[in-house]
Every structure is written in C-alpha cells, then in structure tokens.
Protein backbone atom coordinates (compact mmCIF):
# COMPACT_ATOMS: atom_id res chain seq x y z
CA MET A 1 76.61 23.94 65.65
CA TYR A 2 80.33 23.56 66.06
CA PRO A 3 81.50 20.25 64.54
CA GLU A 4 82.09 17.49 67.08
CA TYR A 5 85.74 16.94 67.91
CA GLU A 6 87.13 13.45 67.70
CA TYR A 7 88.80 12.31 70.88
CA TYR A 8 91.91 10.20 70.81
CA GLY A 9 92.00 8.19 74.06
CA TYR A 10 95.03 8.31 76.32
CA LYS A 11 96.19 4.75 75.67
CA GLU A 12 95.76 5.19 71.93
CA LYS A 13 97.24 8.69 71.67
CA CYS A 14 100.48 7.89 69.90
CA LYS A 15 98.84 5.41 67.56
CA ASN A 16 95.99 7.68 66.53
CA ILE A 17 97.65 11.07 66.25
CA PRO A 18 97.75 11.86 62.51
CA ILE A 19 101.11 11.51 60.80
CA SER A 20 100.01 13.42 57.71
CA PHE A 21 97.09 15.62 56.72
CA PRO A 22 94.80 15.86 53.70
CA ALA A 23 95.41 18.70 51.28
CA GLN A 24 93.61 21.86 52.40
CA GLN A 25 94.08 25.58 52.39
CA GLN A 26 92.57 28.67 53.99
CA TYR A 27 93.10 32.13 52.58
CA VAL A 28 92.73 34.40 55.62
CA GLN A 29 95.05 34.46 58.63
CA PRO A 30 95.25 33.50 61.42
CA GLY A 31 92.84 30.80 60.20
CA MET A 32 89.78 29.02 61.54
CA GLU A 33 90.06 25.79 63.51
CA TYR A 34 86.49 24.68 62.80
CA LEU A 35 87.36 24.44 59.08
CA MET A 36 90.36 22.14 59.59
CA GLU A 37 90.38 18.42 58.81
CA PRO A 38 91.24 16.60 60.95
CA LYS A 39 90.59 18.94 63.86
CA PRO A 40 93.58 19.62 66.12
CA ILE A 41 93.59 17.65 69.37
CA PHE A 42 93.25 20.26 72.09
CA GLU A 43 92.85 18.20 75.26
CA ASP A 44 93.65 14.92 76.98
CA LYS A 45 90.29 13.91 78.41
CA ASN A 46 91.95 11.47 80.84
CA TYR A 47 93.96 14.30 82.40
CA ILE A 48 93.65 14.42 86.21
CA PRO A 49 93.84 18.02 87.50
CA SER A 50 95.65 18.91 90.72
CA CYS A 51 94.53 22.53 91.32
CA LYS A 52 97.87 24.00 90.25
CA LEU A 53 96.22 27.26 89.16
CA LYS A 54 93.31 27.45 91.59
CA ASP A 55 91.51 30.81 91.23
CA LYS A 56 94.26 32.33 89.08
CA VAL A 57 93.31 34.78 86.33
CA VAL A 58 95.07 34.20 83.02
CA ILE A 59 95.16 36.28 79.84
CA ILE A 60 95.94 34.23 76.71
CA THR A 61 96.20 36.08 73.40
CA GLY A 62 95.12 33.87 70.52
CA GLY A 63 93.42 31.61 73.06
CA ASP A 64 90.47 30.95 70.77
CA SER A 65 92.14 28.12 68.83
CA GLY A 66 95.31 26.15 68.23
CA ILE A 67 97.94 26.22 70.95
CA GLY A 68 96.07 28.96 72.80
CA ARG A 69 92.89 26.88 73.04
CA ALA A 70 94.78 23.89 74.42
CA ILE A 71 96.43 26.11 77.04
CA ALA A 72 93.13 27.75 77.99
CA ILE A 73 91.30 24.48 78.52
CA LEU A 74 94.14 22.85 80.47
CA PHE A 75 94.46 25.92 82.68
CA ALA A 76 90.70 25.92 83.29
CA LYS A 77 90.91 22.29 84.38
CA GLU A 78 93.60 23.39 86.83
CA GLY A 79 91.27 26.00 88.33
CA ALA A 80 91.99 29.21 86.40
CA ASP A 81 89.62 31.78 84.94
CA ILE A 82 90.57 32.72 81.40
CA VAL A 83 90.57 35.93 79.36
CA ILE A 84 90.85 35.40 75.60
CA PRO A 85 91.59 38.35 73.32
CA TYR A 86 91.00 37.24 69.72
CA TYR A 87 90.93 38.83 66.28
CA ASN A 88 88.05 37.54 64.14
CA GLU A 89 87.68 33.85 65.02
CA THR A 90 84.33 34.26 66.79
CA LYS A 91 83.05 30.73 66.16
CA ASP A 92 86.27 29.18 67.50
CA ALA A 93 86.34 31.55 70.46
CA LYS A 94 82.78 30.72 71.50
CA PHE A 95 83.53 27.01 71.36
CA THR A 96 86.60 27.47 73.56
CA LYS A 97 84.55 29.52 76.01
CA GLU A 98 81.99 26.69 76.23
CA LYS A 99 84.73 24.17 77.00
CA ILE A 100 86.18 26.41 79.72
CA GLU A 101 82.77 26.90 81.31
CA GLU A 102 82.23 23.13 81.28
CA CYS A 103 85.24 23.03 83.61
CA GLY A 104 83.35 25.30 86.00
CA ARG A 105 85.53 28.34 85.27
CA LYS A 106 84.84 31.81 83.87
CA CYS A 107 85.88 32.90 80.40
CA LEU A 108 85.93 36.47 79.11
CA LEU A 109 86.11 36.89 75.33
CA LEU A 110 87.43 40.21 73.97
CA GLN A 111 87.50 40.82 70.23
CA GLY A 112 90.00 43.30 68.85
CA ASP A 113 93.30 43.85 67.08
CA MET A 114 96.45 43.22 69.10
CA ARG A 115 98.33 45.56 66.74
CA ASP A 116 96.45 48.43 68.35
CA GLU A 117 98.07 49.43 71.66
CA CYS A 118 94.75 50.77 72.94
CA PHE A 119 93.28 47.27 72.72
CA SER A 120 95.85 46.03 75.24
CA GLU A 121 94.72 48.73 77.65
CA TYR A 122 91.11 47.66 77.08
CA ILE A 123 92.02 44.02 77.80
CA VAL A 124 93.53 44.95 81.14
CA GLU A 125 90.66 47.25 82.09
CA SER A 126 88.08 44.59 81.22
CA THR A 127 89.96 41.85 83.05
CA LEU A 128 90.20 43.91 86.22
CA LYS A 129 86.55 44.97 85.96
CA TYR A 130 85.16 41.45 85.62
CA LEU A 131 87.79 39.21 87.24
CA HIS A 132 89.51 41.75 89.54
CA LYS A 133 93.14 40.70 89.10
CA ILE A 134 95.77 39.30 86.72
CA ASP A 135 98.13 36.49 87.72
CA ILE A 136 99.46 35.09 84.45
CA LEU A 137 100.01 36.57 80.99
CA ILE A 138 100.55 34.40 77.93
CA ASN A 139 101.58 36.29 74.79
CA ASN A 140 100.68 33.79 72.11
CA CYS A 141 99.18 35.51 69.05
CA GLY A 142 101.02 35.37 65.74
CA VAL A 143 100.91 35.37 61.95
CA GLN A 144 103.24 34.13 59.24
CA PHE A 145 103.29 34.80 55.49
CA PRO A 146 105.77 32.55 53.64
CA GLN A 147 107.71 34.16 50.79
CA ASP A 148 110.38 32.59 48.60
CA SER A 149 112.60 35.69 48.74
CA ILE A 150 113.11 38.72 50.96
CA LEU A 151 112.39 40.70 47.79
CA ASP A 152 108.79 39.43 47.98
CA ILE A 153 108.22 40.70 51.52
CA SER A 154 106.30 43.94 51.14
CA THR A 155 106.52 46.81 53.60
CA GLU A 156 102.89 46.09 54.52
CA GLN A 157 103.64 42.43 55.28
CA LEU A 158 106.76 43.32 57.27
CA LYS A 159 104.81 45.75 59.45
CA ASP A 160 101.91 43.34 59.89
CA THR A 161 104.20 40.49 60.99
CA PHE A 162 106.21 42.61 63.44
CA GLU A 163 103.19 44.45 64.84
CA THR A 164 101.33 41.18 65.48
CA ASN A 165 104.20 38.96 66.62
CA ILE A 166 106.31 41.25 68.80
CA PHE A 167 104.83 44.75 69.13
CA SER A 168 101.67 43.24 70.64
CA PHE A 169 103.80 41.42 73.23
CA PHE A 170 105.30 44.74 74.29
CA TYR A 171 101.92 46.50 74.33
CA LEU A 172 100.13 43.92 76.47
CA THR A 173 103.05 43.30 78.81
CA LYS A 174 103.33 47.05 79.48
CA ALA A 175 99.60 47.27 80.17
CA VAL A 176 99.54 44.21 82.44
CA LEU A 177 102.77 44.74 84.37
CA PRO A 178 101.57 47.40 86.86
CA HIS A 179 98.91 44.94 88.03
CA LEU A 180 101.12 41.88 88.50
CA LYS A 181 102.18 40.87 91.98
CA GLU A 182 105.02 38.71 93.27
CA ASN A 183 105.07 35.17 91.87
CA ALA A 184 103.19 36.23 88.74
CA SER A 185 104.27 34.61 85.48
CA ILE A 186 104.66 35.86 81.91
CA ILE A 187 105.00 33.25 79.17
CA ASN A 188 105.74 34.04 75.53
CA THR A 189 105.33 31.83 72.50
CA THR A 190 108.46 31.90 70.35
CA SER A 191 109.35 29.29 67.71
CA ILE A 192 111.94 26.81 66.55
CA THR A 193 112.52 29.22 63.66
CA ALA A 194 114.17 31.66 66.09
CA PHE A 195 116.93 29.09 66.61
CA GLU A 196 117.43 27.43 63.24
CA GLY A 197 115.88 29.94 60.82
CA LYS A 198 113.49 29.25 57.95
CA LYS A 199 114.32 30.35 54.42
CA ASN A 200 110.74 31.16 53.42
CA LEU A 201 109.78 32.74 56.77
CA ILE A 202 112.44 35.43 57.11
CA ASP A 203 110.28 38.11 58.70
CA TYR A 204 108.42 35.62 60.92
CA SER A 205 111.69 34.07 62.11
CA ALA A 206 113.06 37.53 62.86
CA THR A 207 110.05 38.31 65.06
CA LYS A 208 110.45 35.04 66.92
CA GLY A 209 114.11 35.80 67.49
CA ALA A 210 112.95 39.10 68.95
CA VAL A 211 110.46 37.29 71.19
CA THR A 212 113.22 35.01 72.46
CA VAL A 213 115.53 37.86 73.45
CA PHE A 214 112.57 39.89 74.74
CA THR A 215 111.85 36.97 77.07
CA LYS A 216 115.38 36.77 78.43
CA SER A 217 115.80 40.52 78.84
CA LEU A 218 112.40 40.98 80.46
CA ALA A 219 113.17 38.14 82.86
CA LEU A 220 116.31 39.95 84.01
CA SER A 221 114.38 43.20 84.27
CA LEU A 222 111.65 41.71 86.49
CA VAL A 223 113.64 39.32 88.64
CA ASP A 224 113.77 41.79 91.55
CA LYS A 225 109.99 42.05 91.43
CA LYS A 226 109.81 38.23 91.68
CA ILE A 227 107.91 38.00 88.42
CA ARG A 228 109.09 35.14 86.24
CA VAL A 229 109.32 35.37 82.43
CA ASN A 230 109.81 32.33 80.20
CA ALA A 231 108.91 31.09 76.73
CA VAL A 232 107.92 27.98 74.82
CA ALA A 233 109.40 27.35 71.36
CA PRO A 234 107.09 25.07 69.37
CA GLY A 235 108.19 23.11 66.36
CA PRO A 236 105.63 22.10 63.71
CA ILE A 237 102.21 22.06 65.40
CA TRP A 238 98.87 21.37 63.71
CA THR A 239 97.02 24.66 64.19
CA PRO A 240 94.90 26.97 61.98
CA LEU A 241 98.04 28.91 61.10
CA ILE A 242 99.22 25.97 58.97
CA PRO A 243 96.46 25.68 56.34
CA SER A 244 96.17 29.48 56.31
CA SER A 245 99.92 29.87 55.64
CA PHE A 246 101.02 27.07 53.38
CA SER A 247 99.91 25.49 50.11
CA SER A 248 97.82 22.33 50.02
CA GLU A 249 100.88 20.36 48.95
CA GLU A 250 102.92 21.65 51.89
CA VAL A 251 100.10 20.84 54.31
CA GLU A 252 100.15 17.21 53.20
CA VAL A 253 103.74 16.74 54.39
CA PHE A 254 103.69 19.23 57.26
CA GLY A 255 105.78 18.13 60.25
CA THR A 256 107.16 14.94 58.71
CA ASP A 257 110.73 16.28 58.59
CA VAL A 258 111.36 16.24 62.37
CA PRO A 259 112.89 13.23 64.17
CA LEU A 260 109.49 12.04 65.46
CA LYS A 261 108.23 12.17 61.85
CA ARG A 262 104.96 13.97 62.56
CA ALA A 263 103.53 17.32 63.52
CA GLY A 264 102.69 17.93 67.15
CA GLN A 265 99.18 18.51 68.45
CA PRO A 266 98.23 21.52 70.60
CA PHE A 267 97.51 19.40 73.69
CA GLU A 268 101.11 18.20 73.60
CA LEU A 269 102.38 21.75 74.20
CA ALA A 270 99.94 22.91 76.86
CA PRO A 271 101.69 21.10 79.76
CA ALA A 272 104.87 23.10 79.08
CA TYR A 273 102.92 26.31 79.61
CA LEU A 274 101.30 24.87 82.73
CA TYR A 275 104.72 24.06 84.15
CA LEU A 276 105.92 27.62 83.55
CA ALA A 277 102.72 29.14 84.94
CA SER A 278 102.63 27.10 88.14
CA ASP A 279 104.78 26.97 91.26
CA ASP A 280 106.47 23.87 89.82
CA SER A 281 108.77 26.28 87.97
CA ARG A 282 109.37 28.69 90.86
CA TYR A 283 113.16 28.49 90.22
CA VAL A 284 112.87 29.00 86.45
CA THR A 285 113.04 32.35 84.69
CA GLY A 286 114.53 33.60 81.42
CA GLN A 287 114.33 30.12 79.91
CA ILE A 288 112.99 28.61 76.69
CA ILE A 289 111.29 25.20 76.61
CA HIS A 290 111.58 23.45 73.23
CA VAL A 291 108.61 21.28 72.21
CA ASN A 292 109.51 20.38 68.65
CA GLY A 293 109.38 16.67 67.90
CA GLY A 294 113.02 15.93 68.67
CA THR A 295 114.99 18.61 66.81
CA ILE A 296 118.14 19.34 68.80
CA ILE A 297 118.66 23.04 69.45
CA ASN A 298 122.10 24.10 70.75
C-alpha cells in the first residue's frame, strides 16, 4: 500500500511545514515521491472548491507527483478531469489517480517518454478518445543534473535536459493546439533559475530560460486565437526532483537560503496554476508568476 500522507491542518500550516529535511538521496530521476521523508504536502484539505474548472479536461505532464500532483488534485476539486502523462513513476501515478477519483473526477494515466514526439501525439489521441476534448495544457515535466562545471556536462546530459525540459513542451503544444478552442489556457513550468541563474545547473537554467521566452512568444502568437499562455516560476520546492538531484548534505539545507527561510510545498504553488487556468485570469497572457519564498526578481 502507498504510505499514508501526513496532513498539516489549515490553521497549523505555517507552523508545521518543515523548515529542513533529513539527509536522503535517490539515484534515478525524476525521483519517486513515495520514497521521500517527509512526504511533500500536496493538498489543503480545508480548501473549499468553487467549480472554477467544471467539466474541463486538463493535461498535466509530470502530474504523478510533486508540483504536478498538487495541481492535478486541486484541479479535480474544482471540477476538472485530468490526463497525466508520466515516465516511470507508476506507484506515484496510481496514488494520484486514486486521489483524483475520490474527488469524483476522471483520471487517465499514460506512461511514456516525453522526449519522443510520437508520445505527444498519442497523449492527444487518447485524451480525445476517452475525454473528447482538451481545455487546458500544463507543460510541467523536467529533469536537472547538477554539475560543478560546464566541462562536466556531457553531450548525453545536455540532450537529455533539453529534450525533456523544452523539446517536450514544443512537441505536446504542437499536438494539442489544433484541438484548443477560444478561452483555452496553456501553462508552462519555468523556474527561478531562468531569472537569476544557478552555477551548478547551467543546462537546466538554460532550458528554463527557453521555457520563459517560449511562453511569452507563444502568448503573442496565440493572442488572436484567444488562447492564453502563461507560466509559473517556482523557487525551491520539496519535490522528488530534489533528493534525486542533490547530495544528502544539500537536501538537509534545501530552501533555507530564501527570505522565508524554507522550501515551499507543492500545494503552495497549485493555486497559481489554478488562477492561470481559470477565468479569473481572463486578462492575463504572456506573464510569469513567481512563487519562490520571497526572492525579488526584477
């Protein structure tokens, strides 16, 4: 069975959110959430839905865990059916599917490699076959492989990072776009590293810079079609990518260098995606929302 998740009550949220984490490390990306300790907080159980996404169909890459899981469950609470393409995190994906179905919504799991353009076509075909439409696309999958020097970034790593973090966004957006109607929304996950850099994540930061400009350019391209395109730029967030990227020593201090002195939790980002997906942001396109613990980005 999937380990039980500890719930931090609404009134106690700030007090009980972990400030630091025990040493731990995973050796395969993008990492498994069920192995993490403590588990990321993926929902606010006191949240009161208001049907902002009633009967919408949403594709969320990397929706099996981390930020993607938090988005998927919040969107399901708001009335959406969810499609989750994932790589190899079957246990995490099945748990997320169960949580979505507890909300009374449908969840379609599709296992494959987002680096393969044909998989994007399969995602769209499967979504239309089983859920009949697409309203919202969230490009969220990503990997990162820290290296002390650009000299340590192999050609294989460079290709893997770019193919996962930006090529896949192009592939899936191209496959989805012909099926989007007016008022549809595309939301990309970029990163604080696109704005301030990161000395040991040169290739990752470069891909996130590409995602940021991709978002702005695509927004301009689709404005006449009345399709909005925006992005969220997370700071340090406690997700499976962290123990699968960094050393045990780095995990222990992860996120403590931001003004709020702690890493964020996935449920703290999900409302930003909900805002961009819903009619609340009908006058917003080509924009980046920064959810980063207080770091000022100019």
